[in-house]
Amino acid sequence: MDYFRTMYEKCYDCDEYYWGLEPASFLKDLIQVTGKNPSELRVLDIGCGEGKDAVYMAECGCKVSAFDITESGIRKTKMLAEKRGVEIDAFVADINELNLNQQYDLIYSTGTIQYLFDDRIEPFFDHLKEITAVGGYVYFNVFVDKPFLPLPPDWDKEEKMWKTGQLFTRLADWEIIKMDEIFLDCNSSGIPHVHCMDTVIAKRRD
């Protein structure tokens, strides 16, 4: 990559982990929602960043594939996996050009869907159904536009806010297990700010 498609390429190009090393607090419950033993789960982490969540799921016993657009993020994902003694299929890829030929039991993505270009949203969700195993699950969250909330100080120029309910609508033909709109405090840039996010867990029907 001879240019920076996202500012996170630079943010991840250091020894420290920009997002820290604590995995998302809900991951253990998310794995349990599938009803499968973790060793039976083929997981795809879309936009894995520096790999903290992907590595945690591998530590739980899942067979994990993970990708990010940043080379620095994937380098640190592999380093963290090696340090923790787990294996991950980690690779550089762009969510807008996703074209995979295998299926997964759990597809996970946090903070990445807003990087889809307008003309790639529908193809992405069509492909999502192709790569989710029948009875498989997806977890997504997306930042939602609220006029009373300023843009986060570390907002990337390629990110795009979604509208309330837009994510849920894209999964209307799935079985919705859980959906929420939440507000959360964040300090990722060193400047305290608030996000609004739509989150969803859905199951492929057929």
N, C-alpha and C. Protein backbone atom coordinates (compact mmCIF):
# COMPACT_ATOMS: atom_id res chain seq x y z
N MET A 1 0.85 -1.19 0.00
CA MET A 1 0.00 0.00 0.00
C MET A 1 0.88 1.24 0.00
N ASP A 2 0.86 2.02 -1.05
CA ASP A 2 1.75 3.17 -1.17
C ASP A 2 1.05 4.47 -0.82
N TYR A 3 -0.12 4.40 -0.18
CA TYR A 3 -0.83 5.58 0.26
C TYR A 3 -1.67 5.18 1.45
N PHE A 4 -2.16 6.15 2.18
CA PHE A 4 -2.97 5.87 3.34
C PHE A 4 -4.44 6.03 3.00
N ARG A 5 -5.17 4.90 2.87
CA ARG A 5 -6.60 4.95 2.63
C ARG A 5 -7.33 5.40 3.88
N THR A 6 -6.73 5.22 5.00
CA THR A 6 -7.36 5.58 6.26
C THR A 6 -6.29 6.07 7.22
N MET A 7 -6.67 6.98 8.11
CA MET A 7 -5.70 7.51 9.07
C MET A 7 -5.21 6.44 10.03
N TYR A 8 -5.97 5.35 10.18
CA TYR A 8 -5.59 4.32 11.13
C TYR A 8 -4.32 3.59 10.70
N GLU A 9 -3.97 3.64 9.45
CA GLU A 9 -2.69 3.07 9.02
C GLU A 9 -1.55 3.69 9.82
N LYS A 10 -1.62 5.00 10.02
CA LYS A 10 -0.60 5.70 10.80
C LYS A 10 -0.79 5.45 12.29
N CYS A 11 -2.05 5.45 12.74
CA CYS A 11 -2.32 5.26 14.17
C CYS A 11 -1.80 3.92 14.67
N TYR A 12 -1.88 2.90 13.82
CA TYR A 12 -1.46 1.55 14.23
C TYR A 12 0.04 1.33 14.07
N ASP A 13 0.71 2.25 13.39
CA ASP A 13 2.14 2.05 13.09
C ASP A 13 3.02 2.52 14.24
N CYS A 14 2.81 1.91 15.40
CA CYS A 14 3.59 2.21 16.59
C CYS A 14 3.59 0.98 17.48
N ASP A 15 4.36 1.01 18.55
CA ASP A 15 4.45 -0.15 19.42
C ASP A 15 3.19 -0.33 20.28
N GLU A 16 2.58 0.76 20.70
CA GLU A 16 1.39 0.68 21.54
C GLU A 16 0.17 0.30 20.69
N TYR A 17 -0.84 -0.25 21.36
CA TYR A 17 -2.08 -0.62 20.67
C TYR A 17 -3.10 0.50 20.85
N TYR A 18 -3.48 1.10 19.71
CA TYR A 18 -4.35 2.29 19.71
C TYR A 18 -5.64 2.05 20.49
N TRP A 19 -6.24 0.87 20.31
CA TRP A 19 -7.51 0.54 20.97
C TRP A 19 -7.29 -0.25 22.26
N GLY A 20 -6.05 -0.40 22.68
CA GLY A 20 -5.77 -1.20 23.86
C GLY A 20 -5.80 -2.68 23.54
N LEU A 21 -5.75 -3.50 24.58
CA LEU A 21 -5.70 -4.95 24.40
C LEU A 21 -6.90 -5.68 25.01
N GLU A 22 -7.79 -4.95 25.65
CA GLU A 22 -8.98 -5.58 26.23
C GLU A 22 -9.99 -5.88 25.13
N PRO A 23 -10.43 -7.13 25.00
CA PRO A 23 -11.44 -7.45 23.98
C PRO A 23 -12.79 -6.85 24.34
N ALA A 24 -13.67 -6.76 23.36
CA ALA A 24 -15.03 -6.25 23.61
C ALA A 24 -15.69 -7.09 24.71
N SER A 25 -16.35 -6.44 25.63
CA SER A 25 -16.89 -7.11 26.82
C SER A 25 -17.98 -8.12 26.50
N PHE A 26 -18.62 -7.99 25.33
CA PHE A 26 -19.75 -8.85 25.01
C PHE A 26 -19.36 -10.08 24.20
N LEU A 27 -18.08 -10.25 23.88
CA LEU A 27 -17.67 -11.32 22.98
C LEU A 27 -17.97 -12.71 23.54
N LYS A 28 -17.76 -12.91 24.83
CA LYS A 28 -18.04 -14.22 25.43
C LYS A 28 -19.50 -14.57 25.26
N ASP A 29 -20.40 -13.60 25.52
CA ASP A 29 -21.83 -13.84 25.36
C ASP A 29 -22.20 -14.06 23.90
N LEU A 30 -21.54 -13.34 22.99
CA LEU A 30 -21.82 -13.48 21.57
C LEU A 30 -21.49 -14.89 21.10
N ILE A 31 -20.37 -15.42 21.54
CA ILE A 31 -20.00 -16.79 21.17
C ILE A 31 -21.04 -17.77 21.70
N GLN A 32 -21.53 -17.53 22.91
CA GLN A 32 -22.52 -18.43 23.51
C GLN A 32 -23.85 -18.39 22.78
N VAL A 33 -24.19 -17.24 22.20
CA VAL A 33 -25.45 -17.10 21.46
C VAL A 33 -25.54 -18.12 20.34
N THR A 34 -24.43 -18.48 19.75
CA THR A 34 -24.42 -19.42 18.61
C THR A 34 -24.85 -20.82 19.03
N GLY A 35 -24.73 -21.14 20.31
CA GLY A 35 -25.10 -22.47 20.78
C GLY A 35 -24.09 -23.54 20.42
N LYS A 36 -22.95 -23.14 19.90
CA LYS A 36 -21.92 -24.11 19.50
C LYS A 36 -20.72 -24.04 20.42
N ASN A 37 -19.99 -25.15 20.48
CA ASN A 37 -18.71 -25.14 21.15
C ASN A 37 -17.78 -24.23 20.34
N PRO A 38 -17.02 -23.36 21.00
CA PRO A 38 -16.12 -22.45 20.25
C PRO A 38 -15.23 -23.17 19.24
N SER A 39 -14.82 -24.38 19.54
CA SER A 39 -13.94 -25.12 18.62
C SER A 39 -14.64 -25.46 17.31
N GLU A 40 -15.97 -25.35 17.28
CA GLU A 40 -16.74 -25.64 16.07
C GLU A 40 -17.02 -24.39 15.25
N LEU A 41 -16.66 -23.24 15.78
CA LEU A 41 -17.02 -21.97 15.14
C LEU A 41 -15.95 -21.47 14.18
N ARG A 42 -16.36 -21.25 12.95
CA ARG A 42 -15.52 -20.56 11.98
C ARG A 42 -15.93 -19.09 12.02
N VAL A 43 -15.00 -18.24 12.41
CA VAL A 43 -15.30 -16.83 12.66
C VAL A 43 -14.56 -15.95 11.65
N LEU A 44 -15.25 -14.91 11.19
CA LEU A 44 -14.62 -13.88 10.36
C LEU A 44 -14.77 -12.55 11.06
N ASP A 45 -13.65 -11.88 11.31
CA ASP A 45 -13.64 -10.54 11.90
C ASP A 45 -13.36 -9.55 10.78
N ILE A 46 -14.37 -8.76 10.44
CA ILE A 46 -14.26 -7.77 9.37
C ILE A 46 -13.78 -6.44 9.95
N GLY A 47 -12.63 -5.98 9.50
CA GLY A 47 -12.08 -4.74 10.03
C GLY A 47 -11.53 -4.95 11.42
N CYS A 48 -10.58 -5.87 11.54
CA CYS A 48 -10.11 -6.31 12.86
C CYS A 48 -9.19 -5.33 13.55
N GLY A 49 -8.79 -4.25 12.85
CA GLY A 49 -7.88 -3.29 13.47
C GLY A 49 -6.56 -3.94 13.84
N GLU A 50 -6.20 -3.84 15.12
CA GLU A 50 -4.94 -4.43 15.59
C GLU A 50 -5.14 -5.83 16.17
N GLY A 51 -6.37 -6.35 16.08
CA GLY A 51 -6.58 -7.76 16.34
C GLY A 51 -6.98 -8.20 17.73
N LYS A 52 -7.28 -7.28 18.63
CA LYS A 52 -7.54 -7.69 20.01
C LYS A 52 -8.76 -8.61 20.13
N ASP A 53 -9.83 -8.33 19.36
CA ASP A 53 -11.03 -9.17 19.43
C ASP A 53 -10.82 -10.50 18.70
N ALA A 54 -10.17 -10.45 17.56
CA ALA A 54 -9.89 -11.67 16.81
C ALA A 54 -9.03 -12.62 17.61
N VAL A 55 -8.02 -12.09 18.27
CA VAL A 55 -7.13 -12.92 19.08
C VAL A 55 -7.88 -13.52 20.26
N TYR A 56 -8.73 -12.73 20.89
CA TYR A 56 -9.53 -13.26 22.01
C TYR A 56 -10.39 -14.43 21.55
N MET A 57 -11.05 -14.29 20.41
CA MET A 57 -11.91 -15.38 19.93
C MET A 57 -11.10 -16.62 19.60
N ALA A 58 -9.88 -16.42 19.11
CA ALA A 58 -8.99 -17.56 18.86
C ALA A 58 -8.59 -18.21 20.18
N GLU A 59 -8.36 -17.39 21.19
CA GLU A 59 -8.02 -17.92 22.51
C GLU A 59 -9.18 -18.74 23.09
N CYS A 60 -10.41 -18.38 22.72
CA CYS A 60 -11.58 -19.14 23.17
C CYS A 60 -11.70 -20.47 22.44
N GLY A 61 -10.93 -20.65 21.37
CA GLY A 61 -10.94 -21.89 20.62
C GLY A 61 -11.53 -21.80 19.23
N CYS A 62 -12.01 -20.63 18.84
CA CYS A 62 -12.61 -20.45 17.52
C CYS A 62 -11.55 -20.50 16.42
N LYS A 63 -11.97 -20.92 15.24
CA LYS A 63 -11.12 -20.87 14.06
C LYS A 63 -11.34 -19.50 13.40
N VAL A 64 -10.39 -18.61 13.53
CA VAL A 64 -10.60 -17.19 13.21
C VAL A 64 -9.85 -16.77 11.95
N SER A 65 -10.60 -16.12 11.06
CA SER A 65 -10.02 -15.35 9.96
C SER A 65 -10.32 -13.88 10.24
N ALA A 66 -9.41 -13.01 9.88
CA ALA A 66 -9.59 -11.59 10.19
C ALA A 66 -8.89 -10.76 9.13
N PHE A 67 -9.53 -9.66 8.76
CA PHE A 67 -8.86 -8.76 7.82
C PHE A 67 -9.08 -7.31 8.19
N ASP A 68 -8.20 -6.49 7.68
CA ASP A 68 -8.28 -5.05 7.87
C ASP A 68 -7.64 -4.40 6.66
N ILE A 69 -8.00 -3.17 6.38
CA ILE A 69 -7.40 -2.47 5.24
C ILE A 69 -5.99 -2.00 5.55
N THR A 70 -5.63 -1.94 6.83
CA THR A 70 -4.33 -1.41 7.22
C THR A 70 -3.29 -2.52 7.33
N GLU A 71 -2.18 -2.33 6.68
CA GLU A 71 -1.08 -3.28 6.78
C GLU A 71 -0.50 -3.28 8.20
N SER A 72 -0.44 -2.09 8.80
CA SER A 72 0.10 -2.00 10.16
C SER A 72 -0.80 -2.73 11.15
N GLY A 73 -2.13 -2.66 10.93
CA GLY A 73 -3.05 -3.36 11.80
C GLY A 73 -2.90 -4.87 11.71
N ILE A 74 -2.76 -5.38 10.50
CA ILE A 74 -2.59 -6.82 10.31
C ILE A 74 -1.25 -7.28 10.86
N ARG A 75 -0.22 -6.48 10.69
CA ARG A 75 1.08 -6.84 11.27
C ARG A 75 0.96 -6.99 12.78
N LYS A 76 0.26 -6.08 13.44
CA LYS A 76 0.13 -6.15 14.89
C LYS A 76 -0.83 -7.26 15.31
N THR A 77 -1.82 -7.57 14.48
CA THR A 77 -2.70 -8.70 14.75
C THR A 77 -1.90 -9.99 14.79
N LYS A 78 -1.04 -10.18 13.80
CA LYS A 78 -0.21 -11.39 13.75
C LYS A 78 0.76 -11.44 14.92
N MET A 79 1.32 -10.30 15.28
CA MET A 79 2.24 -10.25 16.42
C MET A 79 1.53 -10.63 17.71
N LEU A 80 0.31 -10.10 17.89
CA LEU A 80 -0.44 -10.38 19.11
C LEU A 80 -0.85 -11.85 19.17
N ALA A 81 -1.25 -12.40 18.03
CA ALA A 81 -1.62 -13.82 17.99
C ALA A 81 -0.42 -14.70 18.35
N GLU A 82 0.73 -14.37 17.80
CA GLU A 82 1.93 -15.15 18.10
C GLU A 82 2.29 -15.05 19.58
N LYS A 83 2.17 -13.85 20.12
CA LYS A 83 2.49 -13.64 21.54
C LYS A 83 1.55 -14.43 22.43
N ARG A 84 0.27 -14.53 22.02
CA ARG A 84 -0.72 -15.25 22.83
C ARG A 84 -0.77 -16.75 22.51
N GLY A 85 0.00 -17.18 21.54
CA GLY A 85 0.09 -18.60 21.22
C GLY A 85 -1.11 -19.16 20.49
N VAL A 86 -1.74 -18.34 19.64
CA VAL A 86 -2.89 -18.81 18.85
C VAL A 86 -2.64 -18.54 17.37
N GLU A 87 -3.41 -19.24 16.55
CA GLU A 87 -3.29 -19.07 15.10
C GLU A 87 -4.49 -18.31 14.56
N ILE A 88 -4.22 -17.36 13.67
CA ILE A 88 -5.27 -16.58 13.01
C ILE A 88 -4.90 -16.43 11.54
N ASP A 89 -5.87 -16.59 10.69
CA ASP A 89 -5.67 -16.29 9.27
C ASP A 89 -5.95 -14.80 9.09
N ALA A 90 -4.92 -13.99 9.19
CA ALA A 90 -5.06 -12.53 9.13
C ALA A 90 -4.50 -12.01 7.81
N PHE A 91 -5.27 -11.15 7.16
CA PHE A 91 -4.85 -10.66 5.85
C PHE A 91 -5.39 -9.24 5.60
N VAL A 92 -4.72 -8.55 4.68
CA VAL A 92 -5.12 -7.19 4.29
C VAL A 92 -6.19 -7.27 3.22
N ALA A 93 -7.30 -6.57 3.42
CA ALA A 93 -8.37 -6.52 2.44
C ALA A 93 -9.23 -5.30 2.71
N ASP A 94 -9.99 -4.92 1.68
CA ASP A 94 -10.88 -3.75 1.74
C ASP A 94 -12.32 -4.24 1.78
N ILE A 95 -13.09 -3.78 2.74
CA ILE A 95 -14.49 -4.19 2.87
C ILE A 95 -15.27 -3.90 1.58
N ASN A 96 -14.85 -2.89 0.83
CA ASN A 96 -15.56 -2.54 -0.41
C ASN A 96 -15.26 -3.50 -1.56
N GLU A 97 -14.28 -4.35 -1.37
CA GLU A 97 -13.91 -5.30 -2.43
C GLU A 97 -14.00 -6.74 -1.93
N LEU A 98 -14.82 -6.96 -0.91
CA LEU A 98 -14.89 -8.27 -0.28
C LEU A 98 -15.40 -9.33 -1.25
N ASN A 99 -14.63 -10.40 -1.38
CA ASN A 99 -15.01 -11.49 -2.27
C ASN A 99 -14.38 -12.78 -1.74
N LEU A 100 -15.09 -13.42 -0.82
CA LEU A 100 -14.57 -14.63 -0.17
C LEU A 100 -15.32 -15.85 -0.69
N ASN A 101 -14.67 -17.00 -0.63
CA ASN A 101 -15.27 -18.20 -1.19
C ASN A 101 -15.47 -19.29 -0.14
N GLN A 102 -15.56 -18.91 1.11
CA GLN A 102 -15.87 -19.88 2.15
C GLN A 102 -16.95 -19.32 3.07
N GLN A 103 -17.51 -20.18 3.90
CA GLN A 103 -18.59 -19.76 4.79
C GLN A 103 -18.13 -19.76 6.24
N TYR A 104 -18.81 -18.95 7.02
CA TYR A 104 -18.47 -18.78 8.43
C TYR A 104 -19.72 -18.95 9.28
N ASP A 105 -19.49 -19.39 10.54
CA ASP A 105 -20.59 -19.56 11.48
C ASP A 105 -20.89 -18.29 12.24
N LEU A 106 -19.91 -17.41 12.31
CA LEU A 106 -20.08 -16.12 12.99
C LEU A 106 -19.25 -15.08 12.25
N ILE A 107 -19.93 -14.04 11.79
CA ILE A 107 -19.24 -12.92 11.15
C ILE A 107 -19.41 -11.71 12.05
N TYR A 108 -18.29 -11.10 12.37
CA TYR A 108 -18.24 -10.07 13.40
C TYR A 108 -17.58 -8.81 12.84
N SER A 109 -18.18 -7.67 13.12
CA SER A 109 -17.57 -6.43 12.68
C SER A 109 -18.02 -5.29 13.58
N THR A 110 -17.08 -4.54 14.06
CA THR A 110 -17.40 -3.38 14.88
C THR A 110 -16.63 -2.17 14.38
N GLY A 111 -17.36 -1.10 14.09
CA GLY A 111 -16.73 0.14 13.65
C GLY A 111 -16.18 0.11 12.24
N THR A 112 -16.73 -0.76 11.37
CA THR A 112 -16.18 -0.89 10.02
C THR A 112 -17.22 -0.67 8.92
N ILE A 113 -18.47 -1.00 9.18
CA ILE A 113 -19.51 -0.91 8.15
C ILE A 113 -19.61 0.50 7.57
N GLN A 114 -19.29 1.51 8.37
CA GLN A 114 -19.42 2.88 7.86
C GLN A 114 -18.37 3.24 6.81
N TYR A 115 -17.45 2.29 6.52
CA TYR A 115 -16.49 2.51 5.46
C TYR A 115 -16.99 2.02 4.10
N LEU A 116 -18.18 1.44 4.06
CA LEU A 116 -18.75 1.02 2.77
C LEU A 116 -19.13 2.23 1.93
N PHE A 117 -18.73 2.22 0.67
CA PHE A 117 -19.19 3.24 -0.27
C PHE A 117 -20.68 3.02 -0.54
N ASP A 118 -21.38 4.06 -0.91
CA ASP A 118 -22.83 3.95 -1.13
C ASP A 118 -23.18 2.84 -2.12
N ASP A 119 -22.40 2.74 -3.20
CA ASP A 119 -22.74 1.76 -4.23
C ASP A 119 -22.26 0.35 -3.88
N ARG A 120 -21.62 0.19 -2.73
CA ARG A 120 -21.14 -1.13 -2.30
C ARG A 120 -21.95 -1.71 -1.14
N ILE A 121 -22.89 -0.93 -0.60
CA ILE A 121 -23.67 -1.41 0.55
C ILE A 121 -24.51 -2.63 0.18
N GLU A 122 -25.29 -2.52 -0.90
CA GLU A 122 -26.14 -3.64 -1.29
C GLU A 122 -25.32 -4.87 -1.69
N PRO A 123 -24.27 -4.73 -2.53
CA PRO A 123 -23.45 -5.91 -2.85
C PRO A 123 -22.81 -6.54 -1.61
N PHE A 124 -22.42 -5.72 -0.66
CA PHE A 124 -21.82 -6.26 0.56
C PHE A 124 -22.80 -7.16 1.30
N PHE A 125 -24.03 -6.70 1.49
CA PHE A 125 -25.00 -7.49 2.23
C PHE A 125 -25.47 -8.71 1.44
N ASP A 126 -25.46 -8.62 0.13
CA ASP A 126 -25.74 -9.81 -0.69
C ASP A 126 -24.64 -10.86 -0.47
N HIS A 127 -23.39 -10.40 -0.50
CA HIS A 127 -22.27 -11.32 -0.31
C HIS A 127 -22.23 -11.86 1.11
N LEU A 128 -22.66 -11.03 2.06
CA LEU A 128 -22.70 -11.46 3.45
C LEU A 128 -23.53 -12.73 3.62
N LYS A 129 -24.67 -12.77 2.95
CA LYS A 129 -25.52 -13.96 3.06
C LYS A 129 -24.86 -15.17 2.42
N GLU A 130 -24.08 -14.96 1.37
CA GLU A 130 -23.39 -16.06 0.71
C GLU A 130 -22.32 -16.67 1.60
N ILE A 131 -21.67 -15.85 2.41
CA ILE A 131 -20.54 -16.36 3.20
C ILE A 131 -20.92 -16.69 4.64
N THR A 132 -22.18 -16.51 4.99
CA THR A 132 -22.67 -16.94 6.30
C THR A 132 -23.31 -18.30 6.17
N ALA A 133 -22.86 -19.26 6.94
CA ALA A 133 -23.43 -20.60 6.89
C ALA A 133 -24.90 -20.56 7.30
N VAL A 134 -25.69 -21.48 6.76
CA VAL A 134 -27.09 -21.57 7.17
C VAL A 134 -27.15 -21.79 8.68
N GLY A 135 -27.94 -20.97 9.36
CA GLY A 135 -27.98 -21.02 10.81
C GLY A 135 -26.86 -20.25 11.47
N GLY A 136 -26.02 -19.60 10.64
CA GLY A 136 -24.92 -18.81 11.17
C GLY A 136 -25.37 -17.44 11.63
N TYR A 137 -24.48 -16.76 12.34
CA TYR A 137 -24.82 -15.48 12.97
C TYR A 137 -23.91 -14.36 12.47
N VAL A 138 -24.44 -13.15 12.55
CA VAL A 138 -23.63 -11.96 12.30
C VAL A 138 -23.82 -10.98 13.45
N TYR A 139 -22.75 -10.28 13.76
CA TYR A 139 -22.84 -9.16 14.71
C TYR A 139 -22.25 -7.94 14.01
N PHE A 140 -23.01 -6.86 13.99
CA PHE A 140 -22.52 -5.61 13.42
C PHE A 140 -22.90 -4.44 14.31
N ASN A 141 -22.07 -3.43 14.28
CA ASN A 141 -22.49 -2.13 14.80
C ASN A 141 -22.05 -1.06 13.82
N VAL A 142 -22.72 0.06 13.89
CA VAL A 142 -22.43 1.15 12.96
C VAL A 142 -22.71 2.47 13.66
N PHE A 143 -21.89 3.46 13.41
CA PHE A 143 -22.10 4.77 14.01
C PHE A 143 -23.30 5.45 13.35
N VAL A 144 -24.13 6.04 14.19
CA VAL A 144 -25.39 6.63 13.74
C VAL A 144 -25.34 8.15 13.92
N ASP A 145 -25.86 8.85 12.92
CA ASP A 145 -25.87 10.31 12.94
C ASP A 145 -26.91 10.84 13.91
N LYS A 146 -26.47 11.69 14.81
CA LYS A 146 -27.35 12.41 15.71
C LYS A 146 -26.94 13.88 15.67
N PRO A 147 -27.85 14.77 15.27
CA PRO A 147 -27.49 16.18 15.12
C PRO A 147 -26.91 16.82 16.38
N PHE A 148 -27.28 16.29 17.54
CA PHE A 148 -26.82 16.90 18.80
C PHE A 148 -25.45 16.37 19.24
N LEU A 149 -24.90 15.41 18.48
CA LEU A 149 -23.57 14.90 18.79
C LEU A 149 -22.56 15.37 17.75
N PRO A 150 -21.48 16.02 18.16
CA PRO A 150 -20.44 16.40 17.19
C PRO A 150 -19.70 15.17 16.69
N LEU A 151 -19.06 15.31 15.53
CA LEU A 151 -18.24 14.22 15.03
C LEU A 151 -17.12 13.92 16.02
N PRO A 152 -16.78 12.66 16.22
CA PRO A 152 -15.66 12.32 17.11
C PRO A 152 -14.38 13.00 16.62
N PRO A 153 -13.50 13.36 17.53
CA PRO A 153 -12.26 14.06 17.14
C PRO A 153 -11.34 13.23 16.26
N ASP A 154 -11.47 11.89 16.31
CA ASP A 154 -10.63 11.05 15.46
C ASP A 154 -11.43 10.46 14.29
N TRP A 155 -12.50 11.14 13.89
CA TRP A 155 -13.32 10.66 12.78
C TRP A 155 -12.49 10.65 11.50
N ASP A 156 -12.55 9.54 10.79
CA ASP A 156 -11.76 9.35 9.57
C ASP A 156 -12.49 9.97 8.38
N LYS A 157 -11.76 10.57 7.47
CA LYS A 157 -12.38 11.24 6.33
C LYS A 157 -13.16 10.28 5.44
N GLU A 158 -12.86 8.96 5.51
CA GLU A 158 -13.56 7.99 4.66
C GLU A 158 -14.77 7.36 5.35
N GLU A 159 -14.98 7.67 6.62
CA GLU A 159 -16.12 7.12 7.34
C GLU A 159 -17.39 7.90 6.99
N LYS A 160 -18.52 7.22 7.15
CA LYS A 160 -19.79 7.84 6.85
C LYS A 160 -20.82 7.42 7.88
N MET A 161 -21.49 8.38 8.49
CA MET A 161 -22.54 8.08 9.45
C MET A 161 -23.73 7.40 8.76
N TRP A 162 -24.36 6.46 9.45
CA TRP A 162 -25.59 5.84 8.98
C TRP A 162 -26.78 6.48 9.68
N LYS A 163 -27.96 6.16 9.22
CA LYS A 163 -29.20 6.65 9.84
C LYS A 163 -29.75 5.60 10.79
N THR A 164 -30.46 6.03 11.80
CA THR A 164 -31.09 5.11 12.73
C THR A 164 -31.96 4.10 11.98
N GLY A 165 -31.75 2.83 12.25
CA GLY A 165 -32.55 1.77 11.63
C GLY A 165 -32.04 1.27 10.30
N GLN A 166 -31.11 1.97 9.68
CA GLN A 166 -30.63 1.59 8.35
C GLN A 166 -29.97 0.21 8.38
N LEU A 167 -29.21 -0.06 9.42
CA LEU A 167 -28.55 -1.36 9.54
C LEU A 167 -29.58 -2.48 9.72
N PHE A 168 -30.58 -2.25 10.56
CA PHE A 168 -31.60 -3.27 10.80
C PHE A 168 -32.36 -3.60 9.52
N THR A 169 -32.63 -2.58 8.72
CA THR A 169 -33.36 -2.78 7.47
C THR A 169 -32.60 -3.69 6.53
N ARG A 170 -31.28 -3.55 6.51
CA ARG A 170 -30.45 -4.38 5.62
C ARG A 170 -30.50 -5.86 6.00
N LEU A 171 -30.91 -6.15 7.22
CA LEU A 171 -30.99 -7.54 7.69
C LEU A 171 -32.44 -7.97 7.93
N ALA A 172 -33.35 -7.36 7.20
CA ALA A 172 -34.78 -7.60 7.42
C ALA A 172 -35.20 -9.05 7.15
N ASP A 173 -34.48 -9.74 6.25
CA ASP A 173 -34.85 -11.13 5.93
C ASP A 173 -34.07 -12.14 6.77
N TRP A 174 -33.35 -11.65 7.78
CA TRP A 174 -32.67 -12.51 8.74
C TRP A 174 -33.52 -12.59 10.01
N GLU A 175 -33.23 -13.55 10.87
CA GLU A 175 -33.87 -13.59 12.18
C GLU A 175 -33.10 -12.66 13.11
N ILE A 176 -33.74 -11.60 13.55
CA ILE A 176 -33.08 -10.65 14.43
C ILE A 176 -33.09 -11.20 15.85
N ILE A 177 -31.93 -11.46 16.39
CA ILE A 177 -31.80 -11.97 17.75
C ILE A 177 -31.80 -10.83 18.76
N LYS A 178 -31.12 -9.77 18.40
CA LYS A 178 -31.04 -8.62 19.30
C LYS A 178 -30.70 -7.39 18.49
N MET A 179 -31.34 -6.27 18.81
CA MET A 179 -30.93 -5.01 18.18
C MET A 179 -31.11 -3.88 19.19
N ASP A 180 -30.18 -2.95 19.15
CA ASP A 180 -30.18 -1.84 20.11
C ASP A 180 -29.64 -0.59 19.45
N GLU A 181 -30.03 0.54 20.00
CA GLU A 181 -29.36 1.80 19.70
C GLU A 181 -28.80 2.30 21.02
N ILE A 182 -27.51 2.49 21.05
CA ILE A 182 -26.85 2.81 22.31
C ILE A 182 -25.99 4.06 22.18
N PHE A 183 -25.76 4.70 23.31
CA PHE A 183 -24.81 5.80 23.41
C PHE A 183 -23.65 5.33 24.29
N LEU A 184 -22.46 5.61 23.85
CA LEU A 184 -21.32 5.18 24.65
C LEU A 184 -20.24 6.24 24.69
N ASP A 185 -19.60 6.32 25.84
CA ASP A 185 -18.49 7.24 26.02
C ASP A 185 -17.22 6.63 25.44
N CYS A 186 -16.39 7.46 24.85
CA CYS A 186 -15.17 6.99 24.22
C CYS A 186 -14.05 7.98 24.49
N ASN A 187 -12.84 7.46 24.57
CA ASN A 187 -11.67 8.30 24.80
C ASN A 187 -10.53 7.89 23.88
N SER A 188 -10.89 7.33 22.71
CA SER A 188 -9.89 6.73 21.82
C SER A 188 -8.84 7.73 21.34
N SER A 189 -9.21 8.99 21.21
CA SER A 189 -8.28 10.00 20.71
C SER A 189 -7.58 10.75 21.83
N GLY A 190 -7.91 10.40 23.06
CA GLY A 190 -7.41 11.17 24.20
C GLY A 190 -8.32 12.32 24.55
N ILE A 191 -9.37 12.51 23.73
CA ILE A 191 -10.37 13.56 23.98
C ILE A 191 -11.71 12.89 24.23
N PRO A 192 -12.29 13.02 25.41
CA PRO A 192 -13.57 12.36 25.69
C PRO A 192 -14.67 12.81 24.72
N HIS A 193 -15.43 11.82 24.20
CA HIS A 193 -16.53 12.11 23.30
C HIS A 193 -17.56 10.99 23.38
N VAL A 194 -18.68 11.18 22.69
CA VAL A 194 -19.79 10.23 22.77
C VAL A 194 -20.15 9.75 21.37
N HIS A 195 -20.39 8.45 21.24
CA HIS A 195 -20.87 7.84 20.00
C HIS A 195 -22.32 7.40 20.19
N CYS A 196 -23.06 7.42 19.09
CA CYS A 196 -24.33 6.70 19.04
C CYS A 196 -24.14 5.57 18.04
N MET A 197 -24.55 4.34 18.46
CA MET A 197 -24.35 3.18 17.60
C MET A 197 -25.61 2.34 17.54
N ASP A 198 -25.91 1.83 16.35
CA ASP A 198 -26.89 0.76 16.20
C ASP A 198 -26.12 -0.55 16.21
N THR A 199 -26.60 -1.51 17.00
CA THR A 199 -25.97 -2.82 17.09
C THR A 199 -26.99 -3.90 16.82
N VAL A 200 -26.54 -4.97 16.17
CA VAL A 200 -27.48 -6.03 15.82
C VAL A 200 -26.79 -7.40 15.84
N ILE A 201 -27.50 -8.38 16.34
CA ILE A 201 -27.13 -9.79 16.18
C ILE A 201 -28.25 -10.44 15.38
N ALA A 202 -27.88 -11.08 14.27
CA ALA A 202 -28.90 -11.69 13.40
C ALA A 202 -28.44 -13.07 12.98
N LYS A 203 -29.43 -13.93 12.68
CA LYS A 203 -29.18 -15.32 12.29
C LYS A 203 -29.69 -15.55 10.89
N ARG A 204 -28.88 -16.19 10.06
CA ARG A 204 -29.32 -16.52 8.70
C ARG A 204 -30.40 -17.60 8.75
N ARG A 205 -31.51 -17.33 8.09
CA ARG A 205 -32.66 -18.26 8.13
C ARG A 205 -32.46 -19.47 7.24
N ASP A 206 -31.98 -19.25 6.01
CA ASP A 206 -31.86 -20.36 5.07
C ASP A 206 -30.67 -20.15 4.14
